[in-house]
Structure formats: structure tokens, C-alpha cells
């Protein structure tokens, strides 16, 4: 390890530190000390990488906030004590620090939990020696201040949590739902304000006949589906695009072509098939073999893509890249009409995670091209038995329709009247 006192910018990371922690622990010669208010089975997996019989201590915080709905935390501490690890309690602890041999440090926001590995975290991990430094001195004081935790205490806390888990869980779920609803309703009001003021659009596209209103019609006899019809003077396939220096050109869309659309009231997205006077067909799920997959570094991946139909104010697009010999990764995005936000990821293994995050997500230009590719207007074949579910995307009777723009691509936007 590095005996000098210089910390490099390479010591700072905005990614999962677990693998780096493992490497640091394998180098421990004298002691391992972990400070963390939040932990689970992950901490025991990490500690097993120690190759020597040396003292290992976990200092945590056994307080109501840190234990609320976290019986798994107590069970992880119980397992640690069973493995000969000293567990101690330090009231008020919020730091997450790994100390090796009272000299080498990793600290940051990441908890020693499985969830912490998936969150957006940042931290420092360095092989620069901090021996005799002020921070090591402070951590030693914290260690002395902390109190030993016994198996009996953990058993008592586990019993209490198990007896109260159900009512606590109900209260927590209700609380989370209400918080989510307040934030979601606020964001929705702000979005609708922007649309009402037209500042949201900033689009070079518009319908040639001005404002377009679509109204749902009752299915005719012997038909089992709805359509949304435009007013008589409107032609949904005639658009105008403003080009350089305010000049305009007329665009006549190819009839029955599919265009991406977003319902601003639900934030649900879909592809809609445009006809001159009506919209009937929609498509929300795709097997992208129609485009022969998606290529990353000359390797072709199967690409599955769907517009989500539930919880669409959290995420409304799911993309899965897979290759049998490598693995599968799913990306969940929220598209609000102007930007894509990556909400969460799921990977079948570390290899596919490394490829997608390093070769796609972290490469801004490639990632932007990928996102643009997903919502390009496209020609899908309308199958004979394709569900006609337009009323599931547009549940209200009447909608005002506009055209917004994402990186030169038009997107239909629906706002209930």
C-alpha cells in the first residue's frame, strides 16, 4: 500500500464500491473496522474476504430510525457475532467508513447493503496511509465510546420487531404512498401549467389546420373497438415544420404510419397509428428483431422494448438488452417529453452490467443516439389480431393534441379537455 500522503482524484468514485472494498479487505494485516448505521447480509459476505485471523469490528447504531422495518439488519448482526465478529453500538452514527489496519480508509455515502450497491452513491477509497492522522484519532475515540452488543440484546430487539412488523409495515406503506402522491400531483400540476402556457412545446412542428381536438366515438355495430376522430377540417397527416430563418415547409405524413405519443395526464406512452381523420391502433410492446437487434461494440444484442402501463409517473419506458452468451440487462426510464431520466437498472450478472454501463450509459453521445432510436417514427405491421386498446391509453372522452419535439423527432402529446 501507498505510504505517502497524497490522495489522487482516482481515489474518488461515483459507483458501487463493493469490489474495491473486497480488495482492500484482502490486504488487511492487523484489523478491520467498519462504521455503518445501515447493513444487511452484504456486510458478512464482504468480511469473508478477510484472509487472516485478525480482529474485526462492526460499529453500528441501534436506534429506532435505523431499525424501523429492518429486522434483516439485526439478523445480519446476529450472524456476524456468530462468526466471531465484535459488534458495537454508537448512538448518533451516520458515517459509512471502512478502516484497514488503523491506516487505510474508505468513506462515502454507500451503506453496507445490497440496496446500497444499486443506489447512486459516491465515495473515496485510497491506499494512501492515514496512520497518525486526525481522522484516525477521531475514529478511535468513536470506537472507545461505542458499547458492545450481545446476542441477548439482538434477540430481544428481533422479537419486538417481529411482533410489531405488520402494523408498522402498514403505517410505512401508507406514509410512502401519500408522500409519492403529493410529489406526483405537484409535478403533474407543474407539467400541465407548462403545457397550458405552450412553453413546454418549443417545437418546430405543428398541425397544418391549427388546433386539433380528438373525440372518442362509440364502436359501430359488429365492431368491438373505439376510435378517436378529429374534427372535419383537421387532417392529422398534414403538418407544418418551421425551418431556418422562420421559413416553413408543409409535410404530408404517410398514412397509417406509427408515431410516438405521450398522455400528459398519466405520462403513459405508446406508438399510435396515424390516419388522416382518426387514431385507432396503438402498440406498446415490441420485439426489436424487426431492426435486427442493437449493436454495442460490434456485438449484436436482442432488444425488447415496451411502454409501461402502470406507475407511469415513476417510469414509463422499459428496455431490455440481452445476449445468451453474455446476459440480460433491463433499463427503466422516465421520459417527460423533453428529457430521458434513467430511474433504475436490473442485470442478470456483473458482465452485462459492466458492458451496458461502460459502453452505453456512460457514453453520452451513444446513449443519446440509443434513446433517439427508441422513439423514431416507425412502420409497424398492424396484425390481424392486434388489440385495439386506444381507450386504455386515452381513457377520457376528448383530448387536445399537440406536437412536441425531441432531438428533431416529433412526438404527439395528448392533454384531456
Protein backbone atom coordinates (compact mmCIF):
# COMPACT_ATOMS: atom_id res chain seq x y z
CA UNK A 1 0.00 0.00 0.00
CA UNK A 2 0.95 3.62 -0.53
CA UNK A 3 2.86 5.14 2.39
CA UNK A 4 2.85 8.72 1.03
CA UNK A 5 0.29 11.35 1.98
CA UNK A 6 -1.12 12.12 -1.44
CA UNK A 7 -4.70 11.37 -2.41
CA UNK A 8 -5.40 11.14 -6.14
CA UNK A 9 -8.56 12.15 -7.97
CA UNK A 10 -8.66 8.48 -9.00
CA UNK A 11 -9.44 7.66 -5.35
CA UNK A 12 -12.91 9.20 -5.70
CA UNK A 13 -15.73 7.21 -7.26
CA UNK A 14 -19.41 7.64 -8.09
CA UNK A 15 -20.12 3.93 -8.42
CA UNK A 16 -20.57 0.75 -6.39
CA UNK A 17 -17.52 0.32 -4.12
CA UNK A 18 -18.15 -3.30 -3.09
CA UNK A 19 -15.48 -4.90 -5.30
CA UNK A 20 -12.93 -2.30 -4.20
CA UNK A 21 -13.83 -2.95 -0.55
CA UNK A 22 -13.18 -6.66 -1.12
CA UNK A 23 -9.69 -5.97 -2.48
CA UNK A 24 -8.89 -3.66 0.43
CA UNK A 25 -10.06 -6.24 2.99
CA UNK A 26 -7.86 -8.97 1.49
CA UNK A 27 -4.84 -6.77 2.24
CA UNK A 28 -5.69 -6.34 5.95
CA UNK A 29 -2.82 -7.47 8.22
CA UNK A 30 -3.87 -6.25 11.70
CA UNK A 31 -7.53 -5.23 11.92
CA UNK A 32 -10.77 -4.43 10.09
CA UNK A 33 -13.13 -1.78 11.45
CA UNK A 34 -16.48 -0.90 9.83
CA UNK A 35 -18.70 2.02 10.80
CA UNK A 36 -22.23 1.91 9.36
CA UNK A 37 -25.73 2.66 10.65
CA UNK A 38 -27.29 0.51 7.89
CA UNK A 39 -26.27 -3.02 6.89
CA UNK A 40 -27.56 -6.40 5.77
CA UNK A 41 -26.16 -9.79 4.67
CA UNK A 42 -23.84 -7.88 2.30
CA UNK A 43 -21.54 -6.95 5.17
CA UNK A 44 -20.99 -10.60 6.12
CA UNK A 45 -20.24 -11.55 2.51
CA UNK A 46 -17.71 -8.71 2.41
CA UNK A 47 -15.99 -9.71 5.66
CA UNK A 48 -15.49 -13.28 4.41
CA UNK A 49 -12.84 -11.89 2.06
CA UNK A 50 -10.50 -11.42 5.02
CA UNK A 51 -7.69 -13.97 4.64
CA UNK A 52 -6.17 -13.69 8.15
CA UNK A 53 -7.30 -14.33 11.72
CA UNK A 54 -7.44 -10.67 12.78
CA UNK A 55 -9.86 -8.65 14.93
CA UNK A 56 -12.94 -7.50 13.00
CA UNK A 57 -15.35 -4.96 14.48
CA UNK A 58 -18.69 -3.62 13.21
CA UNK A 59 -19.86 -0.39 14.83
CA UNK A 60 -23.48 0.42 14.08
CA UNK A 61 -26.34 2.47 15.53
CA UNK A 62 -29.19 0.61 17.23
CA UNK A 63 -31.75 3.41 17.12
CA UNK A 64 -35.41 3.49 16.11
CA UNK A 65 -34.74 5.27 12.81
CA UNK A 66 -32.07 2.81 11.73
CA UNK A 67 -34.04 -0.29 12.80
CA UNK A 68 -37.51 0.73 11.59
CA UNK A 69 -38.68 -2.13 9.33
CA UNK A 70 -35.15 -3.54 9.27
CA UNK A 71 -35.26 -6.90 11.02
CA UNK A 72 -32.77 -8.09 8.40
CA UNK A 73 -30.22 -5.70 9.91
CA UNK A 74 -30.46 -7.34 13.32
CA UNK A 75 -30.24 -10.81 11.74
CA UNK A 76 -27.05 -9.78 9.89
CA UNK A 77 -25.51 -8.57 13.17
CA UNK A 78 -26.53 -11.83 14.85
CA UNK A 79 -24.76 -13.79 12.09
CA UNK A 80 -21.68 -11.60 12.45
CA UNK A 81 -21.45 -12.27 16.20
CA UNK A 82 -21.85 -15.99 15.46
CA UNK A 83 -18.82 -15.70 13.16
CA UNK A 84 -16.68 -14.22 15.95
CA UNK A 85 -17.02 -10.57 14.95
CA UNK A 86 -17.30 -7.89 17.64
CA UNK A 87 -20.45 -5.78 17.22
CA UNK A 88 -20.76 -2.42 18.98
CA UNK A 89 -23.39 0.31 19.23
CA UNK A 90 -22.64 4.03 18.74
CA UNK A 91 -25.60 6.39 19.20
CA UNK A 92 -25.80 9.11 16.56
CA UNK A 93 -23.61 7.29 14.00
CA UNK A 94 -24.33 8.18 10.38
CA UNK A 95 -20.91 7.75 8.77
CA UNK A 96 -20.10 4.83 6.47
CA UNK A 97 -16.40 4.04 6.82
CA UNK A 98 -14.14 1.05 6.30
CA UNK A 99 -10.79 1.21 8.15
CA UNK A 100 -7.99 -1.28 7.48
CA UNK A 101 -5.11 -1.68 9.94
CA UNK A 102 -5.95 1.69 11.54
CA UNK A 103 -4.38 3.26 8.47
CA UNK A 104 -6.28 2.81 5.21
CA UNK A 105 -9.75 4.26 4.72
CA UNK A 106 -12.80 4.11 2.51
CA UNK A 107 -15.61 6.55 3.27
CA UNK A 108 -18.63 7.88 1.46
CA UNK A 109 -22.41 7.67 1.16
CA UNK A 110 -22.73 3.96 0.33
CA UNK A 111 -24.24 1.73 3.01
CA UNK A 112 -23.02 -1.83 3.51
CA UNK A 113 -26.24 -3.21 2.00
CA UNK A 114 -27.43 -4.81 -1.20
CA UNK A 115 -29.58 -1.73 -1.84
CA UNK A 116 -26.52 0.48 -1.41
CA UNK A 117 -24.88 -1.34 -4.32
CA UNK A 118 -27.72 -0.25 -6.61
CA UNK A 119 -28.16 3.34 -5.47
CA UNK A 120 -26.43 6.40 -6.87
CA UNK A 121 -23.59 6.68 -4.35
CA UNK A 122 -20.22 8.37 -4.16
CA UNK A 123 -17.17 7.74 -2.01
CA UNK A 124 -13.42 7.74 -1.54
CA UNK A 125 -11.25 4.63 -1.24
CA UNK A 126 -7.50 5.05 -1.06
CA UNK A 127 -4.34 3.07 -0.35
CA UNK A 128 -2.74 6.24 0.98
CA UNK A 129 -1.85 5.80 4.66
CA UNK A 130 -3.81 7.86 7.20
CA UNK A 131 -1.81 6.50 10.17
CA UNK A 132 -1.47 9.08 12.96
CA UNK A 133 -3.94 11.39 11.16
CA UNK A 134 -6.69 13.36 12.89
CA UNK A 135 -9.44 11.26 11.32
CA UNK A 136 -7.92 8.00 12.59
CA UNK A 137 -7.67 9.56 16.04
CA UNK A 138 -11.35 10.59 15.91
CA UNK A 139 -12.43 7.12 14.76
CA UNK A 140 -10.51 5.56 17.66
CA UNK A 141 -12.41 7.85 20.04
CA UNK A 142 -15.70 6.73 18.44
CA UNK A 143 -14.66 3.11 18.89
CA UNK A 144 -13.91 3.70 22.57
CA UNK A 145 -17.24 5.49 23.05
CA UNK A 146 -19.25 2.65 21.49
CA UNK A 147 -20.80 -0.12 23.63
CA UNK A 148 -20.63 -3.87 22.99
CA UNK A 149 -23.77 -5.56 21.65
CA UNK A 150 -24.72 -9.03 22.92
CA UNK A 151 -26.72 -11.81 21.26
CA UNK A 152 -29.31 -11.43 24.04
CA UNK A 153 -29.93 -7.78 23.12
CA UNK A 154 -30.27 -8.62 19.42
CA UNK A 155 -32.72 -11.46 20.18
CA UNK A 156 -34.84 -9.10 22.29
CA UNK A 157 -34.94 -6.48 19.51
CA UNK A 158 -35.72 -9.11 16.85
CA UNK A 159 -38.64 -10.39 18.94
CA UNK A 160 -40.01 -6.86 19.37
CA UNK A 161 -39.79 -6.12 15.64
CA UNK A 162 -41.44 -9.40 14.67
CA UNK A 163 -44.39 -8.69 16.99
CA UNK A 164 -44.87 -5.19 15.58
CA UNK A 165 -43.85 -5.76 11.96
CA UNK A 166 -47.35 -5.92 10.45
CA UNK A 167 -48.80 -2.70 11.91
CA UNK A 168 -45.51 -0.87 11.34
CA UNK A 169 -45.45 -2.05 7.72
CA UNK A 170 -49.00 -0.80 7.11
CA UNK A 171 -48.18 2.63 8.53
CA UNK A 172 -44.98 2.84 6.45
CA UNK A 173 -46.73 1.84 3.20
CA UNK A 174 -49.50 4.39 3.78
CA UNK A 175 -46.91 7.08 4.54
CA UNK A 176 -44.87 6.25 1.41
CA UNK A 177 -47.97 6.28 -0.80
CA UNK A 178 -49.04 9.68 0.49
CA UNK A 179 -45.58 11.19 0.01
CA UNK A 180 -45.40 9.76 -3.52
CA UNK A 181 -48.87 11.13 -4.32
CA UNK A 182 -48.05 14.64 -3.08
CA UNK A 183 -44.87 14.77 -5.20
CA UNK A 184 -46.57 13.21 -8.23
CA UNK A 185 -49.56 15.58 -8.06
CA UNK A 186 -47.25 18.59 -7.74
CA UNK A 187 -45.15 17.51 -10.73
CA UNK A 188 -48.31 16.90 -12.74
CA UNK A 189 -49.66 20.38 -11.98
CA UNK A 190 -46.35 21.95 -12.99
CA UNK A 191 -46.28 19.96 -16.23
CA UNK A 192 -49.85 20.92 -17.12
CA UNK A 193 -49.04 24.59 -16.40
CA UNK A 194 -46.14 24.42 -18.85
CA UNK A 195 -48.35 22.88 -21.50
CA UNK A 196 -51.12 25.42 -20.94
CA UNK A 197 -48.56 28.20 -21.44
CA UNK A 198 -47.16 26.45 -24.54
CA UNK A 199 -43.65 26.91 -23.14
CA UNK A 200 -43.34 23.14 -22.91
CA UNK A 201 -43.51 22.58 -26.65
CA UNK A 202 -40.77 24.72 -28.21
CA UNK A 203 -41.39 22.56 -31.26
CA UNK A 204 -40.76 23.26 -34.93
CA UNK A 205 -43.76 21.05 -35.80
CA UNK A 206 -47.46 21.87 -35.75
CA UNK A 207 -50.67 20.66 -37.38
CA UNK A 208 -51.40 22.47 -40.64
CA UNK A 209 -55.02 23.28 -39.72
CA UNK A 210 -54.24 24.68 -36.28
CA UNK A 211 -55.62 23.25 -33.04
CA UNK A 212 -56.64 19.60 -33.17
CA UNK A 213 -59.29 18.09 -30.92
CA UNK A 214 -59.84 14.32 -30.91
CA UNK A 215 -63.11 12.83 -29.67
CA UNK A 216 -63.84 9.21 -28.85
CA UNK A 217 -66.57 7.53 -30.89
CA UNK A 218 -68.84 4.65 -29.92
CA UNK A 219 -67.97 1.44 -31.82
CA UNK A 220 -70.27 0.82 -34.81
CA UNK A 221 -72.39 -2.36 -34.90
CA UNK A 222 -70.34 -5.59 -35.09
CA UNK A 223 -67.16 -3.77 -34.05
CA UNK A 224 -65.53 -4.09 -30.65
CA UNK A 225 -63.16 -1.14 -30.62
CA UNK A 226 -63.14 2.63 -30.24
CA UNK A 227 -61.55 5.28 -32.43
CA UNK A 228 -60.68 8.90 -31.78
CA UNK A 229 -61.79 11.16 -34.63
CA UNK A 230 -60.56 14.64 -35.50
CA UNK A 231 -62.90 17.47 -36.45
CA UNK A 232 -63.92 17.61 -40.10
CA UNK A 233 -61.47 20.35 -41.14
CA UNK A 234 -58.47 18.61 -39.50
CA UNK A 235 -56.12 16.29 -41.36
CA UNK A 236 -53.87 14.51 -38.88
CA UNK A 237 -51.35 13.70 -41.62
CA UNK A 238 -50.76 17.32 -42.70
CA UNK A 239 -48.10 19.07 -40.64
CA UNK A 240 -46.00 22.21 -40.97
CA UNK A 241 -42.34 22.37 -39.96
CA UNK A 242 -40.54 25.65 -39.32
CA UNK A 243 -37.06 25.57 -40.84
CA UNK A 244 -34.17 28.05 -40.88
CA UNK A 245 -34.92 31.80 -40.74
CA UNK A 246 -38.60 31.27 -39.97
CA UNK A 247 -39.37 29.62 -43.29
CA UNK A 248 -41.96 26.86 -43.26
CA UNK A 249 -42.48 23.71 -45.23
CA UNK A 250 -45.54 21.51 -45.46
CA UNK A 251 -45.18 17.86 -44.53
CA UNK A 252 -47.62 15.19 -45.65
CA UNK A 253 -47.24 12.13 -43.45
CA UNK A 254 -47.50 8.67 -44.86
CA UNK A 255 -50.95 7.36 -43.94
CA UNK A 256 -51.05 4.59 -41.30
CA UNK A 257 -47.55 5.30 -40.02
CA UNK A 258 -46.88 4.90 -36.27
CA UNK A 259 -45.71 7.85 -34.18
CA UNK A 260 -44.67 8.03 -30.52
CA UNK A 261 -47.22 9.68 -28.24
CA UNK A 262 -47.49 10.70 -24.59
CA UNK A 263 -50.59 11.28 -22.47
CA UNK A 264 -49.56 14.17 -20.26
CA UNK A 265 -52.24 13.36 -17.67
CA UNK A 266 -50.92 9.85 -16.98
CA UNK A 267 -47.40 10.11 -18.50
CA UNK A 268 -48.11 6.83 -20.29
CA UNK A 269 -46.52 6.47 -23.73
CA UNK A 270 -47.31 4.41 -26.79
CA UNK A 271 -46.98 4.32 -30.58
CA UNK A 272 -50.16 5.45 -32.37
CA UNK A 273 -51.02 4.70 -35.98
CA UNK A 274 -51.97 7.97 -37.66
CA UNK A 275 -54.78 8.10 -40.24
CA UNK A 276 -55.94 11.31 -41.90
CA UNK A 277 -59.07 11.53 -39.77
CA UNK A 278 -58.66 9.17 -36.83
CA UNK A 279 -56.49 7.16 -34.47
CA UNK A 280 -57.47 3.57 -33.70
CA UNK A 281 -54.42 1.35 -33.34
CA UNK A 282 -51.71 1.58 -30.71
CA UNK A 283 -48.67 -0.52 -29.95
CA UNK A 284 -46.83 -0.54 -26.62
CA UNK A 285 -44.63 -3.65 -26.67
CA UNK A 286 -42.03 -4.57 -29.26
CA UNK A 287 -39.57 -7.26 -30.16
CA UNK A 288 -36.92 -5.22 -31.90
CA UNK A 289 -35.82 -8.10 -34.10
CA UNK A 290 -37.62 -6.04 -36.75
CA UNK A 291 -34.50 -3.83 -36.64
CA UNK A 292 -32.14 -6.79 -36.37
CA UNK A 293 -31.27 -6.07 -32.74
CA UNK A 294 -28.99 -3.38 -31.36
CA UNK A 295 -25.22 -3.33 -31.73
CA UNK A 296 -22.72 -2.39 -29.00
CA UNK A 297 -19.02 -2.67 -29.92
CA UNK A 298 -19.78 -4.87 -32.95
CA UNK A 299 -21.80 -7.33 -30.83
CA UNK A 300 -25.50 -7.64 -31.68
CA UNK A 301 -27.93 -7.76 -28.74
CA UNK A 302 -31.57 -8.73 -28.79
CA UNK A 303 -33.56 -5.65 -27.87
CA UNK A 304 -37.01 -5.75 -26.29
CA UNK A 305 -38.81 -2.50 -25.68
CA UNK A 306 -42.08 -1.59 -24.02
CA UNK A 307 -44.01 1.45 -22.91
CA UNK A 308 -45.13 0.68 -19.36
CA UNK A 309 -48.82 0.78 -18.44
CA UNK A 310 -48.66 1.17 -14.65
CA UNK A 311 -46.79 3.50 -12.27
CA UNK A 312 -46.03 5.61 -15.34
CA UNK A 313 -45.35 8.74 -13.31
CA UNK A 314 -42.30 6.92 -11.93
CA UNK A 315 -41.03 5.25 -15.13
CA UNK A 316 -42.78 4.84 -18.47
CA UNK A 317 -40.26 3.01 -20.66
CA UNK A 318 -38.53 -0.35 -20.18
CA UNK A 319 -35.71 -1.53 -22.45
CA UNK A 320 -34.04 -4.95 -22.23
CA UNK A 321 -30.76 -5.84 -23.96
CA UNK A 322 -29.81 -9.50 -23.95
CA UNK A 323 -27.41 -11.98 -25.48
CA UNK A 324 -27.43 -15.63 -24.44
CA UNK A 325 -23.66 -15.89 -24.02
CA UNK A 326 -23.38 -12.64 -22.02
CA UNK A 327 -26.55 -11.96 -20.01
CA UNK A 328 -29.53 -9.65 -19.78
CA UNK A 329 -29.91 -6.06 -18.60
CA UNK A 330 -33.11 -4.02 -18.20
CA UNK A 331 -33.19 -0.20 -18.11
CA UNK A 332 -36.20 1.73 -16.78
CA UNK A 333 -36.59 5.33 -17.99
CA UNK A 334 -38.97 8.19 -17.32
CA UNK A 335 -39.50 10.37 -20.39
CA UNK A 336 -41.31 13.64 -19.65
CA UNK A 337 -41.41 14.92 -23.20
CA UNK A 338 -38.11 16.75 -23.10
CA UNK A 339 -35.56 14.51 -21.32
CA UNK A 340 -34.98 10.85 -20.53
CA UNK A 341 -34.24 10.04 -16.88
CA UNK A 342 -32.73 6.64 -16.07
CA UNK A 343 -34.69 5.55 -12.99
CA UNK A 344 -33.37 2.04 -12.27
CA UNK A 345 -31.47 -0.89 -13.76
CA UNK A 346 -31.62 -4.68 -13.38
CA UNK A 347 -28.83 -7.02 -14.52
CA UNK A 348 -28.55 -10.81 -14.63
CA UNK A 349 -24.80 -10.68 -13.90
CA UNK A 350 -21.83 -8.32 -13.45
CA UNK A 351 -20.58 -8.82 -17.04
CA UNK A 352 -23.72 -7.44 -18.73
CA UNK A 353 -23.82 -4.66 -16.11
CA UNK A 354 -20.25 -3.60 -16.94
CA UNK A 355 -20.90 -3.64 -20.70
CA UNK A 356 -24.15 -1.64 -20.56
CA UNK A 357 -22.94 0.91 -18.01
CA UNK A 358 -19.48 1.40 -19.52
CA UNK A 359 -20.22 1.08 -23.24
CA UNK A 360 -23.74 2.57 -23.40
CA UNK A 361 -24.93 4.59 -20.40
CA UNK A 362 -21.64 6.38 -19.60
CA UNK A 363 -21.04 7.29 -23.26
CA UNK A 364 -23.31 10.31 -23.62
CA UNK A 365 -23.39 10.52 -27.41
CA UNK A 366 -24.01 6.78 -27.87
CA UNK A 367 -26.65 6.79 -25.13
CA UNK A 368 -28.48 9.76 -26.70
CA UNK A 369 -28.47 8.03 -30.09
CA UNK A 370 -29.85 4.88 -28.45
CA UNK A 371 -32.70 6.81 -26.80
CA UNK A 372 -33.49 8.63 -30.03
CA UNK A 373 -33.57 5.29 -31.84
CA UNK A 374 -36.26 4.05 -29.45
CA UNK A 375 -38.78 6.79 -30.30
CA UNK A 376 -38.17 7.27 -34.00
CA UNK A 377 -41.40 7.14 -36.02
CA UNK A 378 -41.64 3.63 -37.44
CA UNK A 379 -43.61 1.41 -39.76
CA UNK A 380 -45.06 -1.47 -37.79
CA UNK A 381 -47.24 -4.07 -39.38
CA UNK A 382 -50.72 -3.93 -37.90
CA UNK A 383 -51.51 -7.56 -37.24
CA UNK A 384 -54.95 -9.02 -37.94
CA UNK A 385 -55.47 -9.82 -34.25
CA UNK A 386 -53.67 -6.78 -32.83
CA UNK A 387 -55.60 -5.48 -29.79
CA UNK A 388 -57.39 -2.19 -30.39
CA UNK A 389 -56.89 -0.63 -26.95
CA UNK A 390 -56.86 3.07 -27.67
CA UNK A 391 -59.26 3.73 -24.78
CA UNK A 392 -56.65 2.33 -22.35
CA UNK A 393 -54.18 4.97 -23.45
CA UNK A 394 -56.82 7.72 -23.79
CA UNK A 395 -59.49 6.94 -21.18
CA UNK A 396 -61.20 10.38 -21.37
CA UNK A 397 -63.78 11.41 -23.94
CA UNK A 398 -61.90 14.25 -25.63
CA UNK A 399 -58.29 15.42 -25.96
CA UNK A 400 -56.39 18.43 -27.24
CA UNK A 401 -53.45 17.23 -29.36
CA UNK A 402 -50.13 18.94 -29.96
CA UNK A 403 -46.70 18.04 -31.32
CA UNK A 404 -43.62 18.37 -29.18
CA UNK A 405 -40.09 17.68 -30.35
CA UNK A 406 -37.21 15.62 -29.01
CA UNK A 407 -33.92 15.99 -30.90
CA UNK A 408 -35.75 16.73 -34.19
CA UNK A 409 -38.21 13.86 -33.65
CA UNK A 410 -41.93 14.70 -33.39
CA UNK A 411 -43.95 13.26 -30.52
CA UNK A 412 -47.73 13.57 -30.24
CA UNK A 413 -48.88 14.95 -26.90
CA UNK A 414 -52.41 14.48 -25.54
CA UNK A 415 -53.99 16.61 -22.84
CA UNK A 416 -57.56 15.96 -21.70
CA UNK A 417 -60.07 18.77 -22.30
